[in-house]
Amino acid sequence: MYHSIGNEGITEEGAQLYAVTLDNFRKQMEYIVGTVPLQGLRVSPLRGQTLQIGGDSPCVITFDDGLIDNYTNALPILKEFGLTAYFFILVGKIGTSGYMSWGQIKELLGAGMVVGSHGMTHRILTVLSGKELDYELRESKKILEDNLGCAVDYFSVPRGFCNKRILEKAKELGYKAIFTSNPKDSDGYKFGRIPVRGNWSLGYFIRVLNNGLSFRDKTEELIKKSSKRILGAGYYDKIRTKILKK
């Protein structure tokens, strides 16, 4: 899972952790393309392209937020290597500073990419009322479909907070799959992903594709997950923001 490629227009606290340089992104895509003849290409159960890298887990290229550098920096490289990716758009930010415009999103579709929803406001969904949750999932889907003229079948959960209520709402609204940030989510409806960090070397990127995160990173993710559960969404987010500002 990617966010920024080239670090253009990032404003959210902590987002810099996941800003991958243009050079590193190119090297990562070169590696993926280079493995295809060896490992084979597998058609995704979703729309788009799934690459079988190693073992039993497919590698799906996804982008969250709809940042402008996904269009200016990532898209040309994906097209160059013949790769397809999923772009989850934060609908409330379309056309604002640092984010893609409607015309650019339409170009993604024209290039064979898959466009999904990342909600309206990037709020933590688990703390919202029923009406607010409906707005985030239903309205974002409707706006995308009305403006793009195609079905929007996939939703990426913002900020890593997901529960049964969110899944039920997504199914009710006709989403065919949900993408999360929990790598263990893989039940045919939820698809877990690993966020790619900006400080990863190519060697570590290859290791993650083939063997998953290191023990240290797995431990860090476990601590984060436990903190979210114990503190709750609101308190966890406040503490995280204060730490990242230091």
C-alpha atoms as a PDB file:
ATOM      1  CA  MET A   1       0.000   0.000   0.000  1.00  0.00           C
ATOM      2  CA  TYR A   2       1.402   3.354  -1.089  1.00  0.00           C
ATOM      3  CA  HIS A   3       0.475   6.909  -0.195  1.00  0.00           C
ATOM      4  CA  SER A   4       2.820   9.580  -1.548  1.00  0.00           C
ATOM      5  CA  ILE A   5       5.349   9.055  -4.332  1.00  0.00           C
ATOM      6  CA  GLY A   6       7.753  11.976  -4.266  1.00  0.00           C
ATOM      7  CA  ASN A   7       6.304  13.774  -1.223  1.00  0.00           C
ATOM      8  CA  GLU A   8       4.332  16.475  -3.044  1.00  0.00           C
ATOM      9  CA  GLY A   9       1.717  18.376  -1.050  1.00  0.00           C
ATOM     10  CA  ILE A  10       1.627  16.197   2.077  1.00  0.00           C
ATOM     11  CA  THR A  11      -0.059  17.973   4.994  1.00  0.00           C
ATOM     12  CA  GLU A  12      -1.281  15.208   7.342  1.00  0.00           C
ATOM     13  CA  GLU A  13       0.837  14.510  10.429  1.00  0.00           C
ATOM     14  CA  GLY A  14       2.871  11.349  10.037  1.00  0.00           C
ATOM     15  CA  ALA A  15       2.248  10.990   6.313  1.00  0.00           C
ATOM     16  CA  GLN A  16       5.926  11.633   5.611  1.00  0.00           C
ATOM     17  CA  LEU A  17       6.680   8.205   7.078  1.00  0.00           C
ATOM     18  CA  TYR A  18       5.023   6.673   4.035  1.00  0.00           C
ATOM     19  CA  ALA A  19       6.385   9.056   1.387  1.00  0.00           C
ATOM     20  CA  VAL A  20       8.416   6.919  -1.040  1.00  0.00           C
ATOM     21  CA  THR A  21      10.951   8.668  -3.243  1.00  0.00           C
ATOM     22  CA  LEU A  22      10.502   8.521  -6.999  1.00  0.00           C
ATOM     23  CA  ASP A  23      13.771   6.623  -7.398  1.00  0.00           C
ATOM     24  CA  ASN A  24      12.821   3.991  -4.811  1.00  0.00           C
ATOM     25  CA  PHE A  25       9.363   3.538  -6.329  1.00  0.00           C
ATOM     26  CA  ARG A  26      10.879   2.950  -9.762  1.00  0.00           C
ATOM     27  CA  LYS A  27      13.273   0.346  -8.358  1.00  0.00           C
ATOM     28  CA  GLN A  28      10.416  -1.405  -6.551  1.00  0.00           C
ATOM     29  CA  MET A  29       8.303  -1.570  -9.714  1.00  0.00           C
ATOM     30  CA  GLU A  30      11.323  -2.801 -11.697  1.00  0.00           C
ATOM     31  CA  TYR A  31      11.728  -5.627  -9.211  1.00  0.00           C
ATOM     32  CA  ILE A  32       8.054  -6.577  -9.412  1.00  0.00           C
ATOM     33  CA  VAL A  33       8.125  -6.645 -13.206  1.00  0.00           C
ATOM     34  CA  GLY A  34      11.330  -8.661 -13.176  1.00  0.00           C
ATOM     35  CA  THR A  35       9.753 -11.403 -11.056  1.00  0.00           C
ATOM     36  CA  VAL A  36       6.764 -11.972 -13.342  1.00  0.00           C
ATOM     37  CA  PRO A  37       8.486 -14.355 -15.823  1.00  0.00           C
ATOM     38  CA  LEU A  38       9.812 -16.393 -12.891  1.00  0.00           C
ATOM     39  CA  GLN A  39       6.759 -16.554 -10.649  1.00  0.00           C
ATOM     40  CA  GLY A  40       3.983 -16.132 -13.196  1.00  0.00           C
ATOM     41  CA  LEU A  41       1.103 -13.721 -13.436  1.00  0.00           C
ATOM     42  CA  ARG A  42      -2.127 -14.515 -11.626  1.00  0.00           C
ATOM     43  CA  VAL A  43      -5.444 -12.875 -12.410  1.00  0.00           C
ATOM     44  CA  SER A  44      -6.875 -11.111  -9.375  1.00  0.00           C
ATOM     45  CA  PRO A  45     -10.285 -12.091  -7.956  1.00  0.00           C
ATOM     46  CA  LEU A  46     -10.814  -8.313  -8.104  1.00  0.00           C
ATOM     47  CA  ARG A  47     -10.639  -6.096 -11.165  1.00  0.00           C
ATOM     48  CA  GLY A  48      -7.071  -5.265 -12.082  1.00  0.00           C
ATOM     49  CA  GLN A  49      -3.790  -7.068 -11.996  1.00  0.00           C
ATOM     50  CA  THR A  50      -2.399  -9.209  -9.212  1.00  0.00           C
ATOM     51  CA  LEU A  51       1.222 -10.270  -9.258  1.00  0.00           C
ATOM     52  CA  GLN A  52       2.308 -13.499  -7.626  1.00  0.00           C
ATOM     53  CA  ILE A  53       5.694 -12.684  -6.098  1.00  0.00           C
ATOM     54  CA  GLY A  54       6.492 -15.602  -3.852  1.00  0.00           C
ATOM     55  CA  GLY A  55       4.764 -18.133  -1.623  1.00  0.00           C
ATOM     56  CA  ASP A  56       0.978 -18.052  -1.602  1.00  0.00           C
ATOM     57  CA  SER A  57       0.337 -14.323  -1.164  1.00  0.00           C
ATOM     58  CA  PRO A  58      -0.371 -12.088  -4.159  1.00  0.00           C
ATOM     59  CA  CYS A  59       1.031  -8.574  -4.399  1.00  0.00           C
ATOM     60  CA  VAL A  60      -1.557  -5.945  -5.286  1.00  0.00           C
ATOM     61  CA  ILE A  61      -0.365  -2.378  -5.874  1.00  0.00           C
ATOM     62  CA  THR A  62      -2.653   0.170  -4.189  1.00  0.00           C
ATOM     63  CA  PHE A  63      -2.581   3.890  -3.403  1.00  0.00           C
ATOM     64  CA  ASP A  64      -4.579   5.671  -0.709  1.00  0.00           C
ATOM     65  CA  ASP A  65      -5.752   9.312  -0.541  1.00  0.00           C
ATOM     66  CA  GLY A  66      -5.640  10.474  -4.178  1.00  0.00           C
ATOM     67  CA  LEU A  67      -2.568  12.686  -3.837  1.00  0.00           C
ATOM     68  CA  ILE A  68      -1.419  14.638  -6.893  1.00  0.00           C
ATOM     69  CA  ASP A  69       1.947  12.864  -6.955  1.00  0.00           C
ATOM     70  CA  ASN A  70       0.138   9.571  -7.583  1.00  0.00           C
ATOM     71  CA  TYR A  71      -0.749  11.075 -10.961  1.00  0.00           C
ATOM     72  CA  THR A  72       2.423  13.042 -11.739  1.00  0.00           C
ATOM     73  CA  ASN A  73       4.976  10.537 -10.426  1.00  0.00           C
ATOM     74  CA  ALA A  74       3.473   7.059  -9.959  1.00  0.00           C
ATOM     75  CA  LEU A  75       1.207   6.782 -13.004  1.00  0.00           C
ATOM     76  CA  PRO A  76       3.941   7.278 -15.641  1.00  0.00           C
ATOM     77  CA  ILE A  77       6.060   4.550 -14.059  1.00  0.00           C
ATOM     78  CA  LEU A  78       3.136   2.139 -13.803  1.00  0.00           C
ATOM     79  CA  LYS A  79       2.323   2.745 -17.472  1.00  0.00           C
ATOM     80  CA  GLU A  80       5.973   2.336 -18.454  1.00  0.00           C
ATOM     81  CA  PHE A  81       6.121  -1.102 -16.851  1.00  0.00           C
ATOM     82  CA  GLY A  82       2.620  -2.168 -17.899  1.00  0.00           C
ATOM     83  CA  LEU A  83       1.354  -2.418 -14.315  1.00  0.00           C
ATOM     84  CA  THR A  84      -2.172  -1.871 -13.040  1.00  0.00           C
ATOM     85  CA  ALA A  85      -2.939  -0.463  -9.590  1.00  0.00           C
ATOM     86  CA  TYR A  86      -5.886   0.446  -7.374  1.00  0.00           C
ATOM     87  CA  PHE A  87      -6.282   4.145  -6.485  1.00  0.00           C
ATOM     88  CA  PHE A  88      -8.507   4.897  -3.483  1.00  0.00           C
ATOM     89  CA  ILE A  89      -9.694   8.481  -3.645  1.00  0.00           C
ATOM     90  CA  LEU A  90     -10.470  10.776  -0.717  1.00  0.00           C
ATOM     91  CA  VAL A  91     -13.491  12.334  -2.378  1.00  0.00           C
ATOM     92  CA  GLY A  92     -13.745  15.481  -0.252  1.00  0.00           C
ATOM     93  CA  LYS A  93     -10.237  16.488  -1.351  1.00  0.00           C
ATOM     94  CA  ILE A  94     -10.644  16.096  -5.115  1.00  0.00           C
ATOM     95  CA  GLY A  95      -9.404  19.191  -6.915  1.00  0.00           C
ATOM     96  CA  THR A  96      -7.907  20.818  -3.805  1.00  0.00           C
ATOM     97  CA  SER A  97      -4.230  21.653  -3.313  1.00  0.00           C
ATOM     98  CA  GLY A  98      -2.075  18.527  -3.277  1.00  0.00           C
ATOM     99  CA  TYR A  99      -4.802  16.223  -4.615  1.00  0.00           C
ATOM    100  CA  MET A 100      -5.859  14.962  -8.038  1.00  0.00           C
ATOM    101  CA  SER A 101      -8.542  16.653 -10.122  1.00  0.00           C
ATOM    102  CA  TRP A 102     -11.487  14.911 -11.763  1.00  0.00           C
ATOM    103  CA  GLY A 103      -9.708  15.056 -15.111  1.00  0.00           C
ATOM    104  CA  GLN A 104      -6.632  13.344 -13.697  1.00  0.00           C
ATOM    105  CA  ILE A 105      -8.699  10.635 -12.025  1.00  0.00           C
ATOM    106  CA  LYS A 106     -10.402   9.979 -15.356  1.00  0.00           C
ATOM    107  CA  GLU A 107      -6.955   9.596 -16.915  1.00  0.00           C
ATOM    108  CA  LEU A 108      -6.229   6.863 -14.358  1.00  0.00           C
ATOM    109  CA  LEU A 109      -9.256   4.968 -15.604  1.00  0.00           C
ATOM    110  CA  GLY A 110      -8.234   5.537 -19.212  1.00  0.00           C
ATOM    111  CA  ALA A 111      -4.856   4.011 -18.413  1.00  0.00           C
ATOM    112  CA  GLY A 112      -6.508   0.852 -17.085  1.00  0.00           C
ATOM    113  CA  MET A 113      -6.245   1.646 -13.391  1.00  0.00           C
ATOM    114  CA  VAL A 114      -8.990   0.828 -10.885  1.00  0.00           C
ATOM    115  CA  VAL A 115     -10.537   3.675  -8.884  1.00  0.00           C
ATOM    116  CA  GLY A 116     -12.120   3.080  -5.486  1.00  0.00           C
ATOM    117  CA  SER A 117     -13.348   5.155  -2.557  1.00  0.00           C
ATOM    118  CA  HIS A 118     -11.386   6.229   0.508  1.00  0.00           C
ATOM    119  CA  GLY A 119     -14.378   8.008   2.015  1.00  0.00           C
ATOM    120  CA  MET A 120     -15.308  11.685   2.128  1.00  0.00           C
ATOM    121  CA  THR A 121     -13.291  13.201   4.970  1.00  0.00           C
ATOM    122  CA  HIS A 122     -10.640  10.674   6.144  1.00  0.00           C
ATOM    123  CA  ARG A 123     -12.256  10.468   9.563  1.00  0.00           C
ATOM    124  CA  ILE A 124     -11.921   7.363  11.730  1.00  0.00           C
ATOM    125  CA  LEU A 125     -15.030   5.384  10.804  1.00  0.00           C
ATOM    126  CA  THR A 126     -15.436   3.332  13.978  1.00  0.00           C
ATOM    127  CA  VAL A 127     -16.388   6.409  16.060  1.00  0.00           C
ATOM    128  CA  LEU A 128     -18.992   7.772  13.640  1.00  0.00           C
ATOM    129  CA  SER A 129     -22.757   7.657  14.033  1.00  0.00           C
ATOM    130  CA  GLY A 130     -24.780   5.525  11.653  1.00  0.00           C
ATOM    131  CA  LYS A 131     -25.693   8.595   9.607  1.00  0.00           C
ATOM    132  CA  GLU A 132     -22.082   9.773   9.405  1.00  0.00           C
ATOM    133  CA  LEU A 133     -20.834   6.328   8.414  1.00  0.00           C
ATOM    134  CA  ASP A 134     -23.471   6.106   5.706  1.00  0.00           C
ATOM    135  CA  TYR A 135     -22.326   9.498   4.406  1.00  0.00           C
ATOM    136  CA  GLU A 136     -18.680   8.435   4.208  1.00  0.00           C
ATOM    137  CA  LEU A 137     -19.363   5.229   2.289  1.00  0.00           C
ATOM    138  CA  ARG A 138     -22.540   6.010   0.338  1.00  0.00           C
ATOM    139  CA  GLU A 139     -21.872   9.614  -0.700  1.00  0.00           C
ATOM    140  CA  SER A 140     -18.261   9.001  -1.734  1.00  0.00           C
ATOM    141  CA  LYS A 141     -19.349   6.061  -3.882  1.00  0.00           C
ATOM    142  CA  LYS A 142     -22.181   8.030  -5.485  1.00  0.00           C
ATOM    143  CA  ILE A 143     -20.041  11.090  -6.253  1.00  0.00           C
ATOM    144  CA  LEU A 144     -17.310   8.981  -7.828  1.00  0.00           C
ATOM    145  CA  GLU A 145     -19.766   6.980  -9.916  1.00  0.00           C
ATOM    146  CA  ASP A 146     -21.702  10.054 -11.048  1.00  0.00           C
ATOM    147  CA  ASN A 147     -18.546  11.894 -12.136  1.00  0.00           C
ATOM    148  CA  LEU A 148     -16.611   8.966 -13.582  1.00  0.00           C
ATOM    149  CA  GLY A 149     -19.468   7.106 -15.230  1.00  0.00           C
ATOM    150  CA  CYS A 150     -18.422   3.698 -13.923  1.00  0.00           C
ATOM    151  CA  ALA A 151     -19.107   1.394 -10.987  1.00  0.00           C
ATOM    152  CA  VAL A 152     -17.022   1.941  -7.855  1.00  0.00           C
ATOM    153  CA  ASP A 153     -16.750  -1.488  -6.277  1.00  0.00           C
ATOM    154  CA  TYR A 154     -13.952  -1.131  -3.716  1.00  0.00           C
ATOM    155  CA  PHE A 155     -13.409   0.823  -0.514  1.00  0.00           C
ATOM    156  CA  SER A 156     -10.209   1.470   1.441  1.00  0.00           C
ATOM    157  CA  VAL A 157     -10.725   1.991   5.174  1.00  0.00           C
ATOM    158  CA  PRO A 158      -9.086   5.226   6.428  1.00  0.00           C
ATOM    159  CA  ARG A 159      -6.595   5.240   9.301  1.00  0.00           C
ATOM    160  CA  GLY A 160      -6.653   1.505  10.015  1.00  0.00           C
ATOM    161  CA  PHE A 161      -9.819   1.376  12.128  1.00  0.00           C
ATOM    162  CA  CYS A 162     -12.322  -1.222  10.946  1.00  0.00           C
ATOM    163  CA  ASN A 163     -15.092  -3.249  12.567  1.00  0.00           C
ATOM    164  CA  LYS A 164     -18.112  -5.403  11.759  1.00  0.00           C
ATOM    165  CA  ARG A 165     -20.426  -2.402  11.442  1.00  0.00           C
ATOM    166  CA  ILE A 166     -18.255  -0.908   8.689  1.00  0.00           C
ATOM    167  CA  LEU A 167     -18.130  -4.206   6.810  1.00  0.00           C
ATOM    168  CA  GLU A 168     -21.906  -4.616   7.010  1.00  0.00           C
ATOM    169  CA  LYS A 169     -22.475  -1.085   5.729  1.00  0.00           C
ATOM    170  CA  ALA A 170     -20.049  -1.624   2.849  1.00  0.00           C
ATOM    171  CA  LYS A 171     -21.831  -4.822   1.822  1.00  0.00           C
ATOM    172  CA  GLU A 172     -25.210  -3.096   2.110  1.00  0.00           C
ATOM    173  CA  LEU A 173     -24.044  -0.361  -0.275  1.00  0.00           C
ATOM    174  CA  GLY A 174     -22.749  -2.822  -2.841  1.00  0.00           C
ATOM    175  CA  TYR A 175     -19.002  -2.671  -2.346  1.00  0.00           C
ATOM    176  CA  LYS A 176     -17.472  -5.926  -3.588  1.00  0.00           C
ATOM    177  CA  ALA A 177     -14.405  -5.755  -1.340  1.00  0.00           C
ATOM    178  CA  ILE A 178     -12.807  -3.745   1.445  1.00  0.00           C
ATOM    179  CA  PHE A 179      -9.090  -2.970   1.688  1.00  0.00           C
ATOM    180  CA  THR A 180      -7.558  -2.548   5.148  1.00  0.00           C
ATOM    181  CA  SER A 181      -4.112  -1.933   6.644  1.00  0.00           C
ATOM    182  CA  ASN A 182      -4.098  -5.210   8.567  1.00  0.00           C
ATOM    183  CA  PRO A 183      -1.977  -7.697   6.560  1.00  0.00           C
ATOM    184  CA  LYS A 184      -3.852 -10.602   8.147  1.00  0.00           C
ATOM    185  CA  ASP A 185      -7.194  -9.593   6.647  1.00  0.00           C
ATOM    186  CA  SER A 186      -7.895 -12.104   3.896  1.00  0.00           C
ATOM    187  CA  ASP A 187     -11.357 -13.622   4.052  1.00  0.00           C
ATOM    188  CA  GLY A 188     -12.505 -13.045   0.484  1.00  0.00           C
ATOM    189  CA  TYR A 189     -14.109  -9.707   1.311  1.00  0.00           C
ATOM    190  CA  LYS A 190     -11.424  -7.971   3.354  1.00  0.00           C
ATOM    191  CA  PHE A 191      -8.019  -7.584   1.720  1.00  0.00           C
ATOM    192  CA  GLY A 192      -5.212  -6.656   4.099  1.00  0.00           C
ATOM    193  CA  ARG A 193      -2.217  -4.637   2.947  1.00  0.00           C
ATOM    194  CA  ILE A 194       1.236  -3.659   4.168  1.00  0.00           C
ATOM    195  CA  PRO A 195       2.001   0.101   4.071  1.00  0.00           C
ATOM    196  CA  VAL A 196       5.283   0.734   2.248  1.00  0.00           C
ATOM    197  CA  ARG A 197       7.486   3.097   4.266  1.00  0.00           C
ATOM    198  CA  GLY A 198       9.776   5.723   2.831  1.00  0.00           C
ATOM    199  CA  ASN A 199      12.861   4.459   4.666  1.00  0.00           C
ATOM    200  CA  TRP A 200      12.734   0.921   3.237  1.00  0.00           C
ATOM    201  CA  SER A 201      15.724  -0.194   1.216  1.00  0.00           C
ATOM    202  CA  LEU A 202      15.114  -2.202  -1.941  1.00  0.00           C
ATOM    203  CA  GLY A 203      16.435  -5.260  -0.114  1.00  0.00           C
ATOM    204  CA  TYR A 204      13.887  -4.870   2.669  1.00  0.00           C
ATOM    205  CA  PHE A 205      11.095  -4.258   0.142  1.00  0.00           C
ATOM    206  CA  ILE A 206      11.985  -7.561  -1.555  1.00  0.00           C
ATOM    207  CA  ARG A 207      12.088  -9.318   1.806  1.00  0.00           C
ATOM    208  CA  VAL A 208       8.575  -8.041   2.655  1.00  0.00           C
ATOM    209  CA  LEU A 209       7.184  -9.187  -0.696  1.00  0.00           C
ATOM    210  CA  ASN A 210       8.549 -12.670  -0.232  1.00  0.00           C
ATOM    211  CA  ASN A 211       8.539 -13.209   3.527  1.00  0.00           C
ATOM    212  CA  GLY A 212       6.533 -10.426   5.151  1.00  0.00           C
ATOM    213  CA  LEU A 213       7.629  -7.855   7.717  1.00  0.00           C
ATOM    214  CA  SER A 214      10.621  -8.348   9.985  1.00  0.00           C
ATOM    215  CA  PHE A 215      10.063  -9.430  13.582  1.00  0.00           C
ATOM    216  CA  ARG A 216      10.742  -5.868  14.743  1.00  0.00           C
ATOM    217  CA  ASP A 217       8.166  -4.361  12.390  1.00  0.00           C
ATOM    218  CA  LYS A 218       5.620  -7.062  13.225  1.00  0.00           C
ATOM    219  CA  THR A 219       6.083  -6.250  16.913  1.00  0.00           C
ATOM    220  CA  GLU A 220       5.595  -2.545  16.202  1.00  0.00           C
ATOM    221  CA  GLU A 221       2.389  -3.257  14.281  1.00  0.00           C
ATOM    222  CA  LEU A 222       1.129  -5.458  17.120  1.00  0.00           C
ATOM    223  CA  ILE A 223       1.772  -2.668  19.637  1.00  0.00           C
ATOM    224  CA  LYS A 224      -0.069  -0.180  17.418  1.00  0.00           C
ATOM    225  CA  LYS A 225      -3.015  -2.542  17.038  1.00  0.00           C
ATOM    226  CA  SER A 226      -3.175  -3.178  20.790  1.00  0.00           C
ATOM    227  CA  SER A 227      -2.938   0.552  21.501  1.00  0.00           C
ATOM    228  CA  LYS A 228      -5.838   1.251  19.166  1.00  0.00           C
ATOM    229  CA  ARG A 229      -7.961  -1.354  20.904  1.00  0.00           C
ATOM    230  CA  ILE A 230      -7.076  -0.264  24.452  1.00  0.00           C
ATOM    231  CA  LEU A 231      -7.117   3.514  23.981  1.00  0.00           C
ATOM    232  CA  GLY A 232      -9.906   3.709  21.456  1.00  0.00           C
ATOM    233  CA  ALA A 233      -9.832   5.602  18.191  1.00  0.00           C
ATOM    234  CA  GLY A 234     -10.063   9.130  19.571  1.00  0.00           C
ATOM    235  CA  TYR A 235      -7.387   8.888  22.279  1.00  0.00           C
ATOM    236  CA  TYR A 236      -5.045   6.859  20.110  1.00  0.00           C
ATOM    237  CA  ASP A 237      -5.210   9.448  17.341  1.00  0.00           C
ATOM    238  CA  LYS A 238      -4.555  12.353  19.732  1.00  0.00           C
ATOM    239  CA  ILE A 239      -1.527  10.644  21.298  1.00  0.00           C
ATOM    240  CA  ARG A 240      -0.180   9.629  17.876  1.00  0.00           C
ATOM    241  CA  THR A 241      -0.442  13.205  16.608  1.00  0.00           C
ATOM    242  CA  LYS A 242       1.374  14.628  19.652  1.00  0.00           C
ATOM    243  CA  ILE A 243       4.199  12.100  19.293  1.00  0.00           C
ATOM    244  CA  LEU A 244       4.623  12.755  15.580  1.00  0.00           C
ATOM    245  CA  LYS A 245       4.787  16.537  16.154  1.00  0.00           C
ATOM    246  CA  LYS A 246       7.765  16.205  18.521  1.00  0.00           C
END
